[in-house]
PDB file of N, CA and C in Angstrom:
ATOM      1  N   MET A   1     -18.273  63.180 -38.997  1.00  0.00           N
ATOM      2  CA  MET A   1     -17.912  63.001 -40.406  1.00  0.00           C
ATOM      3  C   MET A   1     -17.706  61.509 -40.689  1.00  0.00           C
ATOM      4  N   THR A   2     -18.318  61.011 -41.743  1.00  0.00           N
ATOM      5  CA  THR A   2     -18.183  59.614 -42.134  1.00  0.00           C
ATOM      6  C   THR A   2     -17.093  59.484 -43.182  1.00  0.00           C
ATOM      7  N   LYS A   3     -16.218  58.532 -42.978  1.00  0.00           N
ATOM      8  CA  LYS A   3     -15.147  58.297 -43.940  1.00  0.00           C
ATOM      9  C   LYS A   3     -15.635  57.273 -44.969  1.00  0.00           C
ATOM     10  N   ILE A   4     -15.637  57.650 -46.220  1.00  0.00           N
ATOM     11  CA  ILE A   4     -16.081  56.772 -47.299  1.00  0.00           C
ATOM     12  C   ILE A   4     -14.856  56.315 -48.079  1.00  0.00           C
ATOM     13  N   PRO A   5     -14.599  54.988 -48.125  1.00  0.00           N
ATOM     14  CA  PRO A   5     -13.434  54.499 -48.878  1.00  0.00           C
ATOM     15  C   PRO A   5     -13.538  54.869 -50.354  1.00  0.00           C
ATOM     16  N   GLN A   6     -12.406  55.248 -50.938  1.00  0.00           N
ATOM     17  CA  GLN A   6     -12.361  55.596 -52.353  1.00  0.00           C
ATOM     18  C   GLN A   6     -11.214  54.852 -53.028  1.00  0.00           C
ATOM     19  N   VAL A   7     -11.424  54.526 -54.292  1.00  0.00           N
ATOM     20  CA  VAL A   7     -10.422  53.819 -55.091  1.00  0.00           C
ATOM     21  C   VAL A   7     -10.190  54.601 -56.370  1.00  0.00           C
ATOM     22  N   TRP A   8      -8.938  54.755 -56.756  1.00  0.00           N
ATOM     23  CA  TRP A   8      -8.589  55.369 -58.031  1.00  0.00           C
ATOM     24  C   TRP A   8      -8.048  54.264 -58.927  1.00  0.00           C
ATOM     25  N   ALA A   9      -8.811  53.885 -59.948  1.00  0.00           N
ATOM     26  CA  ALA A   9      -8.428  52.812 -60.863  1.00  0.00           C
ATOM     27  C   ALA A   9      -7.435  53.351 -61.892  1.00  0.00           C
ATOM     28  N   LEU A  10      -6.202  52.872 -61.797  1.00  0.00           N
ATOM     29  CA  LEU A  10      -5.123  53.330 -62.680  1.00  0.00           C
ATOM     30  C   LEU A  10      -4.989  52.389 -63.874  1.00  0.00           C
ATOM     31  N   TYR A  11      -6.030  52.349 -64.696  1.00  0.00           N
ATOM     32  CA  TYR A  11      -5.954  51.544 -65.906  1.00  0.00           C
ATOM     33  C   TYR A  11      -5.080  52.271 -66.931  1.00  0.00           C
ATOM     34  N   LYS A  12      -4.954  51.720 -68.090  1.00  0.00           N
ATOM     35  CA  LYS A  12      -4.002  52.153 -69.114  1.00  0.00           C
ATOM     36  C   LYS A  12      -3.823  53.671 -69.236  1.00  0.00           C
ATOM     37  N   GLU A  13      -4.869  54.419 -69.583  1.00  0.00           N
ATOM     38  CA  GLU A  13      -4.731  55.853 -69.818  1.00  0.00           C
ATOM     39  C   GLU A  13      -4.522  56.624 -68.521  1.00  0.00           C
ATOM     40  N   VAL A  14      -5.241  56.249 -67.478  1.00  0.00           N
ATOM     41  CA  VAL A  14      -5.154  56.971 -66.217  1.00  0.00           C
ATOM     42  C   VAL A  14      -3.780  56.782 -65.575  1.00  0.00           C
ATOM     43  N   GLN A  15      -3.176  55.620 -65.755  1.00  0.00           N
ATOM     44  CA  GLN A  15      -1.836  55.385 -65.213  1.00  0.00           C
ATOM     45  C   GLN A  15      -0.851  56.407 -65.785  1.00  0.00           C
ATOM     46  N   GLY A  16      -1.030  56.791 -67.034  1.00  0.00           N
ATOM     47  CA  GLY A  16      -0.180  57.811 -67.644  1.00  0.00           C
ATOM     48  C   GLY A  16      -0.292  59.147 -66.936  1.00  0.00           C
ATOM     49  N   TYR A  17      -1.500  59.526 -66.524  1.00  0.00           N
ATOM     50  CA  TYR A  17      -1.692  60.771 -65.767  1.00  0.00           C
ATOM     51  C   TYR A  17      -0.925  60.694 -64.450  1.00  0.00           C
ATOM     52  N   TYR A  18      -1.038  59.548 -63.791  1.00  0.00           N
ATOM     53  CA  TYR A  18      -0.358  59.365 -62.506  1.00  0.00           C
ATOM     54  C   TYR A  18       1.153  59.473 -62.685  1.00  0.00           C
ATOM     55  N   GLU A  19       1.674  58.816 -63.710  1.00  0.00           N
ATOM     56  CA  GLU A  19       3.123  58.827 -63.948  1.00  0.00           C
ATOM     57  C   GLU A  19       3.639  60.209 -64.336  1.00  0.00           C
ATOM     58  N   LYS A  20       2.736  61.083 -64.816  1.00  0.00           N
ATOM     59  CA  LYS A  20       3.125  62.455 -65.152  1.00  0.00           C
ATOM     60  C   LYS A  20       2.912  63.420 -63.990  1.00  0.00           C
ATOM     61  N   GLY A  21       2.502  62.889 -62.825  1.00  0.00           N
ATOM     62  CA  GLY A  21       2.436  63.719 -61.640  1.00  0.00           C
ATOM     63  C   GLY A  21       1.075  63.951 -61.029  1.00  0.00           C
ATOM     64  N   MET A  22      -0.017  63.519 -61.658  1.00  0.00           N
ATOM     65  CA  MET A  22      -1.336  63.701 -61.058  1.00  0.00           C
ATOM     66  C   MET A  22      -1.433  62.842 -59.800  1.00  0.00           C
ATOM     67  N   ARG A  23      -1.933  63.420 -58.723  1.00  0.00           N
ATOM     68  CA  ARG A  23      -2.027  62.710 -57.454  1.00  0.00           C
ATOM     69  C   ARG A  23      -3.424  62.825 -56.862  1.00  0.00           C
ATOM     70  N   VAL A  24      -3.744  61.910 -55.970  1.00  0.00           N
ATOM     71  CA  VAL A  24      -5.001  61.922 -55.233  1.00  0.00           C
ATOM     72  C   VAL A  24      -4.653  61.937 -53.747  1.00  0.00           C
ATOM     73  N   PRO A  25      -5.623  62.247 -52.881  1.00  0.00           N
ATOM     74  CA  PRO A  25      -5.340  62.235 -51.448  1.00  0.00           C
ATOM     75  C   PRO A  25      -4.761  60.902 -50.982  1.00  0.00           C
ATOM     76  N   ASP A  26      -3.990  60.963 -49.916  1.00  0.00           N
ATOM     77  CA  ASP A  26      -3.289  59.802 -49.393  1.00  0.00           C
ATOM     78  C   ASP A  26      -4.213  58.660 -48.988  1.00  0.00           C
ATOM     79  N   ASP A  27      -5.455  58.972 -48.610  1.00  0.00           N
ATOM     80  CA  ASP A  27      -6.362  57.912 -48.150  1.00  0.00           C
ATOM     81  C   ASP A  27      -7.126  57.223 -49.280  1.00  0.00           C
ATOM     82  N   VAL A  28      -6.873  57.599 -50.521  1.00  0.00           N
ATOM     83  CA  VAL A  28      -7.505  56.946 -51.680  1.00  0.00           C
ATOM     84  C   VAL A  28      -6.652  55.739 -52.080  1.00  0.00           C
ATOM     85  N   THR A  29      -7.293  54.579 -52.235  1.00  0.00           N
ATOM     86  CA  THR A  29      -6.587  53.367 -52.648  1.00  0.00           C
ATOM     87  C   THR A  29      -6.203  53.456 -54.125  1.00  0.00           C
ATOM     88  N   LEU A  30      -4.954  53.134 -54.440  1.00  0.00           N
ATOM     89  CA  LEU A  30      -4.492  53.067 -55.832  1.00  0.00           C
ATOM     90  C   LEU A  30      -4.735  51.651 -56.339  1.00  0.00           C
ATOM     91  N   LEU A  31      -5.579  51.510 -57.348  1.00  0.00           N
ATOM     92  CA  LEU A  31      -5.904  50.201 -57.927  1.00  0.00           C
ATOM     93  C   LEU A  31      -5.151  50.046 -59.239  1.00  0.00           C
ATOM     94  N   TRP A  32      -4.108  49.214 -59.204  1.00  0.00           N
ATOM     95  CA  TRP A  32      -3.290  48.973 -60.396  1.00  0.00           C
ATOM     96  C   TRP A  32      -3.955  47.894 -61.245  1.00  0.00           C
ATOM     97  N   SER A  33      -3.981  48.110 -62.556  1.00  0.00           N
ATOM     98  CA  SER A  33      -4.654  47.165 -63.452  1.00  0.00           C
ATOM     99  C   SER A  33      -3.642  46.317 -64.211  1.00  0.00           C
ATOM    100  N   ASP A  34      -4.184  45.377 -64.955  1.00  0.00           N
ATOM    101  CA  ASP A  34      -3.337  44.543 -65.808  1.00  0.00           C
ATOM    102  C   ASP A  34      -3.315  45.124 -67.222  1.00  0.00           C
ATOM    103  N   ASP A  35      -2.602  44.448 -68.095  1.00  0.00           N
ATOM    104  CA  ASP A  35      -2.461  44.908 -69.483  1.00  0.00           C
ATOM    105  C   ASP A  35      -3.509  44.295 -70.412  1.00  0.00           C
ATOM    106  N   ASN A  36      -4.585  43.781 -69.863  1.00  0.00           N
ATOM    107  CA  ASN A  36      -5.657  43.076 -70.577  1.00  0.00           C
ATOM    108  C   ASN A  36      -5.242  41.691 -71.057  1.00  0.00           C
ATOM    109  N   TRP A  37      -4.029  41.282 -70.748  1.00  0.00           N
ATOM    110  CA  TRP A  37      -3.555  39.940 -71.079  1.00  0.00           C
ATOM    111  C   TRP A  37      -3.147  39.187 -69.820  1.00  0.00           C
ATOM    112  N   GLY A  38      -3.489  39.733 -68.659  1.00  0.00           N
ATOM    113  CA  GLY A  38      -3.213  39.043 -67.408  1.00  0.00           C
ATOM    114  C   GLY A  38      -1.901  39.389 -66.748  1.00  0.00           C
ATOM    115  N   ASN A  39      -1.145  40.331 -67.300  1.00  0.00           N
ATOM    116  CA  ASN A  39       0.119  40.754 -66.700  1.00  0.00           C
ATOM    117  C   ASN A  39      -0.098  42.084 -65.987  1.00  0.00           C
ATOM    118  N   LEU A  40       0.259  42.152 -64.719  1.00  0.00           N
ATOM    119  CA  LEU A  40       0.119  43.407 -63.997  1.00  0.00           C
ATOM    120  C   LEU A  40       0.993  44.466 -64.650  1.00  0.00           C
ATOM    121  N   ARG A  41       0.418  45.634 -64.886  1.00  0.00           N
ATOM    122  CA  ARG A  41       1.146  46.724 -65.534  1.00  0.00           C
ATOM    123  C   ARG A  41       2.187  47.334 -64.604  1.00  0.00           C
ATOM    124  N   ARG A  42       1.882  47.328 -63.320  1.00  0.00           N
ATOM    125  CA  ARG A  42       2.761  47.984 -62.366  1.00  0.00           C
ATOM    126  C   ARG A  42       2.395  47.525 -60.965  1.00  0.00           C
ATOM    127  N   LEU A  43       3.365  47.577 -60.072  1.00  0.00           N
ATOM    128  CA  LEU A  43       3.147  47.266 -58.667  1.00  0.00           C
ATOM    129  C   LEU A  43       3.525  48.486 -57.837  1.00  0.00           C
ATOM    130  N   PRO A  44       2.970  48.623 -56.638  1.00  0.00           N
ATOM    131  CA  PRO A  44       3.277  49.793 -55.826  1.00  0.00           C
ATOM    132  C   PRO A  44       4.744  49.826 -55.390  1.00  0.00           C
ATOM    133  N   THR A  45       5.295  51.029 -55.370  1.00  0.00           N
ATOM    134  CA  THR A  45       6.663  51.236 -54.902  1.00  0.00           C
ATOM    135  C   THR A  45       6.674  51.217 -53.369  1.00  0.00           C
ATOM    136  N   PRO A  46       7.858  51.149 -52.755  1.00  0.00           N
ATOM    137  CA  PRO A  46       7.907  51.219 -51.284  1.00  0.00           C
ATOM    138  C   PRO A  46       7.244  52.485 -50.734  1.00  0.00           C
ATOM    139  N   GLU A  47       7.402  53.620 -51.393  1.00  0.00           N
ATOM    140  CA  GLU A  47       6.758  54.859 -50.944  1.00  0.00           C
ATOM    141  C   GLU A  47       5.240  54.765 -51.057  1.00  0.00           C
ATOM    142  N   GLU A  48       4.757  54.198 -52.160  1.00  0.00           N
ATOM    143  CA  GLU A  48       3.305  54.072 -52.364  1.00  0.00           C
ATOM    144  C   GLU A  48       2.690  53.109 -51.349  1.00  0.00           C
ATOM    145  N   ARG A  49       3.467  52.138 -50.897  1.00  0.00           N
ATOM    146  CA  ARG A  49       2.968  51.182 -49.910  1.00  0.00           C
ATOM    147  C   ARG A  49       2.731  51.827 -48.554  1.00  0.00           C
ATOM    148  N   LYS A  50       3.315  52.999 -48.316  1.00  0.00           N
ATOM    149  CA  LYS A  50       3.149  53.709 -47.043  1.00  0.00           C
ATOM    150  C   LYS A  50       1.872  54.551 -47.007  1.00  0.00           C
ATOM    151  N   ARG A  51       1.202  54.702 -48.147  1.00  0.00           N
ATOM    152  CA  ARG A  51      -0.016  55.519 -48.203  1.00  0.00           C
ATOM    153  C   ARG A  51      -1.100  54.901 -47.327  1.00  0.00           C
ATOM    154  N   SER A  52      -1.865  55.744 -46.646  1.00  0.00           N
ATOM    155  CA  SER A  52      -2.932  55.219 -45.777  1.00  0.00           C
ATOM    156  C   SER A  52      -4.030  54.526 -46.583  1.00  0.00           C
ATOM    157  N   GLY A  53      -4.221  54.922 -47.828  1.00  0.00           N
ATOM    158  CA  GLY A  53      -5.223  54.292 -48.683  1.00  0.00           C
ATOM    159  C   GLY A  53      -4.792  52.942 -49.211  1.00  0.00           C
ATOM    160  N   GLY A  54      -3.502  52.689 -49.175  1.00  0.00           N
ATOM    161  CA  GLY A  54      -2.981  51.416 -49.641  1.00  0.00           C
ATOM    162  C   GLY A  54      -3.067  51.254 -51.153  1.00  0.00           C
ATOM    163  N   ALA A  55      -2.928  50.016 -51.581  1.00  0.00           N
ATOM    164  CA  ALA A  55      -2.933  49.697 -53.006  1.00  0.00           C
ATOM    165  C   ALA A  55      -3.702  48.406 -53.238  1.00  0.00           C
ATOM    166  N   ALA A  56      -4.102  48.207 -54.474  1.00  0.00           N
ATOM    167  CA  ALA A  56      -4.813  47.000 -54.885  1.00  0.00           C
ATOM    168  C   ALA A  56      -4.443  46.710 -56.338  1.00  0.00           C
ATOM    169  N   SER A  57      -4.738  45.516 -56.785  1.00  0.00           N
ATOM    170  CA  SER A  57      -4.501  45.132 -58.178  1.00  0.00           C
ATOM    171  C   SER A  57      -5.709  44.386 -58.703  1.00  0.00           C
ATOM    172  N   THR A  58      -5.880  44.449 -60.001  1.00  0.00           N
ATOM    173  CA  THR A  58      -6.986  43.748 -60.636  1.00  0.00           C
ATOM    174  C   THR A  58      -6.504  43.086 -61.926  1.00  0.00           C
ATOM    175  N   ILE A  59      -7.082  41.948 -62.241  1.00  0.00           N
ATOM    176  CA  ILE A  59      -6.794  41.222 -63.480  1.00  0.00           C
ATOM    177  C   ILE A  59      -8.083  41.183 -64.287  1.00  0.00           C
ATOM    178  N   THR A  60      -8.010  41.532 -65.554  1.00  0.00           N
ATOM    179  CA  THR A  60      -9.167  41.525 -66.436  1.00  0.00           C
ATOM    180  C   THR A  60      -9.555  40.087 -66.771  1.00  0.00           C
ATOM    181  N   SER A  61     -10.829  39.777 -66.583  1.00  0.00           N
ATOM    182  CA  SER A  61     -11.290  38.434 -66.948  1.00  0.00           C
ATOM    183  C   SER A  61     -12.274  38.479 -68.108  1.00  0.00           C
ATOM    184  N   THR A  62     -12.858  39.654 -68.382  1.00  0.00           N
ATOM    185  CA  THR A  62     -13.734  39.786 -69.539  1.00  0.00           C
ATOM    186  C   THR A  62     -13.443  41.107 -70.235  1.00  0.00           C
ATOM    187  N   MET A  63     -13.695  41.155 -71.515  1.00  0.00           N
ATOM    188  CA  MET A  63     -13.494  42.361 -72.316  1.00  0.00           C
ATOM    189  C   MET A  63     -14.765  42.617 -73.115  1.00  0.00           C
ATOM    190  N   TRP A  64     -15.157  43.871 -73.222  1.00  0.00           N
ATOM    191  CA  TRP A  64     -16.337  44.229 -74.009  1.00  0.00           C
ATOM    192  C   TRP A  64     -15.898  44.901 -75.289  1.00  0.00           C
ATOM    193  N   ARG A  65     -16.206  44.301 -76.417  1.00  0.00           N
ATOM    194  CA  ARG A  65     -15.863  44.868 -77.720  1.00  0.00           C
ATOM    195  C   ARG A  65     -16.969  45.830 -78.177  1.00  0.00           C
ATOM    196  N   THR A  66     -18.198  45.389 -78.136  1.00  0.00           N
ATOM    197  CA  THR A  66     -19.359  46.228 -78.450  1.00  0.00           C
ATOM    198  C   THR A  66     -20.443  45.890 -77.438  1.00  0.00           C
ATOM    199  N   ALA A  67     -21.560  46.534 -77.550  1.00  0.00           N
ATOM    200  CA  ALA A  67     -22.657  46.255 -76.631  1.00  0.00           C
ATOM    201  C   ALA A  67     -23.201  44.839 -76.797  1.00  0.00           C
ATOM    202  N   PHE A  68     -22.909  44.196 -77.920  1.00  0.00           N
ATOM    203  CA  PHE A  68     -23.495  42.883 -78.196  1.00  0.00           C
ATOM    204  C   PHE A  68     -22.481  41.743 -78.202  1.00  0.00           C
ATOM    205  N   LEU A  69     -21.216  42.034 -77.968  1.00  0.00           N
ATOM    206  CA  LEU A  69     -20.191  40.999 -78.075  1.00  0.00           C
ATOM    207  C   LEU A  69     -19.302  41.031 -76.845  1.00  0.00           C
ATOM    208  N   GLN A  70     -19.233  39.951 -76.145  1.00  0.00           N
ATOM    209  CA  GLN A  70     -18.356  39.860 -74.983  1.00  0.00           C
ATOM    210  C   GLN A  70     -17.253  38.867 -75.292  1.00  0.00           C
ATOM    211  N   TRP A  71     -16.018  39.279 -75.086  1.00  0.00           N
ATOM    212  CA  TRP A  71     -14.887  38.374 -75.253  1.00  0.00           C
ATOM    213  C   TRP A  71     -14.486  37.832 -73.897  1.00  0.00           C
ATOM    214  N   LEU A  72     -14.183  36.573 -73.838  1.00  0.00           N
ATOM    215  CA  LEU A  72     -13.639  36.009 -72.615  1.00  0.00           C
ATOM    216  C   LEU A  72     -12.130  36.001 -72.738  1.00  0.00           C
ATOM    217  N   ASN A  73     -11.481  36.499 -71.727  1.00  0.00           N
ATOM    218  CA  ASN A  73     -10.030  36.488 -71.708  1.00  0.00           C
ATOM    219  C   ASN A  73      -9.575  35.044 -71.535  1.00  0.00           C
ATOM    220  N   THR A  74      -8.499  34.682 -72.179  1.00  0.00           N
ATOM    221  CA  THR A  74      -8.035  33.303 -72.120  1.00  0.00           C
ATOM    222  C   THR A  74      -6.892  33.117 -71.131  1.00  0.00           C
ATOM    223  N   ASN A  75      -6.802  33.983 -70.133  1.00  0.00           N
ATOM    224  CA  ASN A  75      -5.743  33.849 -69.136  1.00  0.00           C
ATOM    225  C   ASN A  75      -5.972  32.601 -68.297  1.00  0.00           C
ATOM    226  N   PRO A  76      -4.971  31.733 -68.220  1.00  0.00           N
ATOM    227  CA  PRO A  76      -5.131  30.534 -67.396  1.00  0.00           C
ATOM    228  C   PRO A  76      -5.156  30.898 -65.905  1.00  0.00           C
ATOM    229  N   ILE A  77      -5.927  30.136 -65.155  1.00  0.00           N
ATOM    230  CA  ILE A  77      -6.066  30.373 -63.717  1.00  0.00           C
ATOM    231  C   ILE A  77      -4.701  30.404 -63.016  1.00  0.00           C
ATOM    232  N   PRO A  78      -3.747  29.497 -63.327  1.00  0.00           N
ATOM    233  CA  PRO A  78      -2.447  29.572 -62.647  1.00  0.00           C
ATOM    234  C   PRO A  78      -1.724  30.909 -62.886  1.00  0.00           C
ATOM    235  N   LYS A  79      -1.883  31.489 -64.068  1.00  0.00           N
ATOM    236  CA  LYS A  79      -1.250  32.782 -64.336  1.00  0.00           C
ATOM    237  C   LYS A  79      -1.895  33.878 -63.494  1.00  0.00           C
ATOM    238  N   ILE A  80      -3.216  33.860 -63.401  1.00  0.00           N
ATOM    239  CA  ILE A  80      -3.913  34.851 -62.579  1.00  0.00           C
ATOM    240  C   ILE A  80      -3.490  34.696 -61.119  1.00  0.00           C
ATOM    241  N   GLN A  81      -3.398  33.465 -60.657  1.00  0.00           N
ATOM    242  CA  GLN A  81      -2.968  33.223 -59.281  1.00  0.00           C
ATOM    243  C   GLN A  81      -1.550  33.738 -59.058  1.00  0.00           C
ATOM    244  N   GLU A  82      -0.664  33.520 -60.016  1.00  0.00           N
ATOM    245  CA  GLU A  82       0.721  33.989 -59.895  1.00  0.00           C
ATOM    246  C   GLU A  82       0.777  35.509 -59.835  1.00  0.00           C
ATOM    247  N   GLN A  83       0.007  36.185 -60.680  1.00  0.00           N
ATOM    248  CA  GLN A  83       0.004  37.648 -60.702  1.00  0.00           C
ATOM    249  C   GLN A  83      -0.613  38.223 -59.428  1.00  0.00           C
ATOM    250  N   MET A  84      -1.671  37.607 -58.932  1.00  0.00           N
ATOM    251  CA  MET A  84      -2.300  38.085 -57.698  1.00  0.00           C
ATOM    252  C   MET A  84      -1.403  37.853 -56.486  1.00  0.00           C
ATOM    253  N   ASN A  85      -0.665  36.748 -56.479  1.00  0.00           N
ATOM    254  CA  ASN A  85       0.301  36.517 -55.403  1.00  0.00           C
ATOM    255  C   ASN A  85       1.424  37.549 -55.454  1.00  0.00           C
ATOM    256  N   LEU A  86       1.860  37.905 -56.658  1.00  0.00           N
ATOM    257  CA  LEU A  86       2.868  38.947 -56.818  1.00  0.00           C
ATOM    258  C   LEU A  86       2.348  40.271 -56.251  1.00  0.00           C
ATOM    259  N   ALA A  87       1.105  40.614 -56.586  1.00  0.00           N
ATOM    260  CA  ALA A  87       0.492  41.844 -56.061  1.00  0.00           C
ATOM    261  C   ALA A  87       0.439  41.794 -54.537  1.00  0.00           C
ATOM    262  N   LEU A  88       0.044  40.675 -53.986  1.00  0.00           N
ATOM    263  CA  LEU A  88      -0.024  40.521 -52.536  1.00  0.00           C
ATOM    264  C   LEU A  88       1.346  40.733 -51.900  1.00  0.00           C
ATOM    265  N   ASN A  89       2.384  40.167 -52.502  1.00  0.00           N
ATOM    266  CA  ASN A  89       3.748  40.313 -51.979  1.00  0.00           C
ATOM    267  C   ASN A  89       4.242  41.753 -52.037  1.00  0.00           C
ATOM    268  N   TYR A  90       3.679  42.556 -52.924  1.00  0.00           N
ATOM    269  CA  TYR A  90       4.057  43.965 -53.039  1.00  0.00           C
ATOM    270  C   TYR A  90       3.090  44.889 -52.304  1.00  0.00           C
ATOM    271  N   GLY A  91       2.245  44.329 -51.489  1.00  0.00           N
ATOM    272  CA  GLY A  91       1.359  45.132 -50.662  1.00  0.00           C
ATOM    273  C   GLY A  91       0.112  45.651 -51.349  1.00  0.00           C
ATOM    274  N   ALA A  92      -0.180  45.183 -52.545  1.00  0.00           N
ATOM    275  CA  ALA A  92      -1.403  45.592 -53.246  1.00  0.00           C
ATOM    276  C   ALA A  92      -2.521  44.643 -52.809  1.00  0.00           C
ATOM    277  N   ASP A  93      -2.930  44.783 -51.548  1.00  0.00           N
ATOM    278  CA  ASP A  93      -3.835  43.808 -50.946  1.00  0.00           C
ATOM    279  C   ASP A  93      -5.125  44.426 -50.414  1.00  0.00           C
ATOM    280  N   ARG A  94      -5.405  45.658 -50.792  1.00  0.00           N
ATOM    281  CA  ARG A  94      -6.569  46.347 -50.250  1.00  0.00           C
ATOM    282  C   ARG A  94      -7.872  45.743 -50.770  1.00  0.00           C
ATOM    283  N   TYR A  95      -7.935  45.450 -52.039  1.00  0.00           N
ATOM    284  CA  TYR A  95      -9.106  44.843 -52.673  1.00  0.00           C
ATOM    285  C   TYR A  95      -8.603  43.821 -53.668  1.00  0.00           C
ATOM    286  N   GLY A  96      -9.437  42.924 -54.094  1.00  0.00           N
ATOM    287  CA  GLY A  96      -9.044  41.970 -55.118  1.00  0.00           C
ATOM    288  C   GLY A  96     -10.222  41.527 -55.951  1.00  0.00           C
ATOM    289  N   TRP A  97     -10.027  41.468 -57.226  1.00  0.00           N
ATOM    290  CA  TRP A  97     -11.055  40.979 -58.145  1.00  0.00           C
ATOM    291  C   TRP A  97     -10.495  39.870 -58.943  1.00  0.00           C
TER     292      TRP A  97
END
Protein backbone atom coordinates (compact mmCIF):
# COMPACT_ATOMS: atom_id res chain seq x y z
CA MET A 1 0.00 0.00 0.00
CA THR A 2 1.36 3.43 -0.97
CA LYS A 3 0.82 6.29 1.42
CA ILE A 4 -0.22 9.46 -0.41
CA PRO A 5 0.13 12.71 1.57
CA GLN A 6 -3.11 14.67 1.89
CA VAL A 7 -3.83 18.24 2.96
CA TRP A 8 -7.12 19.69 4.18
CA ALA A 9 -7.15 23.44 3.44
CA LEU A 10 -9.07 25.14 6.25
CA TYR A 11 -9.84 28.41 4.52
CA LYS A 12 -12.63 30.71 5.71
CA GLU A 13 -15.75 28.55 5.17
CA VAL A 14 -14.12 25.17 5.71
CA GLN A 15 -12.60 26.30 9.01
CA GLY A 16 -16.17 26.77 10.26
CA TYR A 17 -16.94 23.11 9.50
CA TYR A 18 -13.85 22.07 11.44
CA GLU A 19 -14.76 24.26 14.42
CA LYS A 20 -18.23 22.67 14.46
CA GLY A 21 -16.74 19.19 14.73
CA MET A 22 -15.97 17.91 11.22
CA ARG A 23 -12.76 15.88 11.32
CA VAL A 24 -10.40 14.16 8.89
CA PRO A 25 -8.06 11.21 9.49
CA ASP A 26 -5.09 11.88 11.74
CA ASP A 27 -2.57 11.56 8.89
CA VAL A 28 -4.12 14.42 6.87
CA THR A 29 -2.22 17.72 7.21
CA LEU A 30 -4.34 20.65 8.46
CA LEU A 31 -3.51 23.72 6.34
CA TRP A 32 -4.51 26.89 8.17
CA SER A 33 -5.10 29.93 5.97
CA ASP A 34 -4.88 33.66 6.46
CA ASP A 35 -7.70 36.20 6.47
CA ASN A 36 -6.78 37.45 2.95
CA TRP A 37 -5.02 40.40 4.59
CA GLY A 38 -1.93 38.51 5.71
CA ASN A 39 -3.03 37.64 9.25
CA LEU A 40 -3.17 33.96 10.13
CA ARG A 41 -6.73 33.05 11.05
CA ARG A 42 -5.69 30.35 13.48
CA LEU A 43 -2.72 28.32 14.66
CA PRO A 44 -2.68 24.66 15.68
CA THR A 45 -3.45 23.83 19.31
CA PRO A 46 -1.13 21.59 21.36
CA GLU A 47 -3.46 18.64 20.66
CA GLU A 48 -3.51 19.36 16.91
CA ARG A 49 0.30 19.50 16.91
CA LYS A 50 0.35 15.83 17.98
CA ARG A 51 -1.46 14.69 14.81
CA SER A 52 0.67 12.50 12.53
CA GLY A 53 -0.37 14.63 9.55
CA GLY A 54 0.88 17.76 11.23
CA ALA A 55 -0.12 21.29 10.33
CA ALA A 56 0.78 23.99 7.83
CA SER A 57 -0.08 27.63 7.19
CA THR A 58 -0.48 29.71 4.08
CA ILE A 59 -0.55 33.45 3.37
CA THR A 60 -2.52 34.77 0.40
CA SER A 61 -0.39 36.71 -2.05
CA THR A 62 -2.89 37.05 -4.91
CA MET A 63 -6.67 37.33 -5.10
CA TRP A 64 -8.90 36.60 -8.09
CA ARG A 65 -11.91 38.89 -8.45
CA THR A 66 -13.06 37.67 -11.88
CA ALA A 67 -11.54 35.60 -14.64
CA PHE A 68 -10.04 38.77 -16.12
CA LEU A 69 -8.89 40.72 -13.07
CA GLN A 70 -6.15 39.75 -10.66
CA TRP A 71 -5.57 41.74 -7.50
CA LEU A 72 -2.19 41.77 -5.88
CA ASN A 73 -2.28 41.65 -2.13
CA THR A 74 -0.40 44.55 -0.58
CA ASN A 75 0.98 42.62 2.39
CA PRO A 76 4.52 43.77 3.10
CA ILE A 77 7.20 41.07 3.05
CA PRO A 78 8.16 41.71 6.73
CA LYS A 79 4.55 41.01 7.78
CA ILE A 80 4.46 37.77 5.80
CA GLN A 81 7.78 36.77 7.35
CA GLU A 82 6.45 37.54 10.84
CA GLN A 83 3.29 35.48 10.28
CA MET A 84 5.21 32.54 8.80
CA ASN A 85 7.65 32.59 11.72
CA LEU A 86 4.67 32.55 14.09
CA ALA A 87 3.27 29.52 12.22
CA LEU A 88 6.66 27.81 12.44
CA ASN A 89 6.82 28.44 16.20
CA TYR A 90 3.40 26.80 16.58
CA GLY A 91 4.40 23.72 14.63
CA ALA A 92 2.59 24.58 11.39
CA ASP A 93 5.68 23.59 9.42
CA ARG A 94 4.54 20.76 7.17
CA TYR A 95 4.27 22.88 4.01
CA GLY A 96 4.73 26.54 3.23
CA TRP A 97 3.62 28.87 0.48
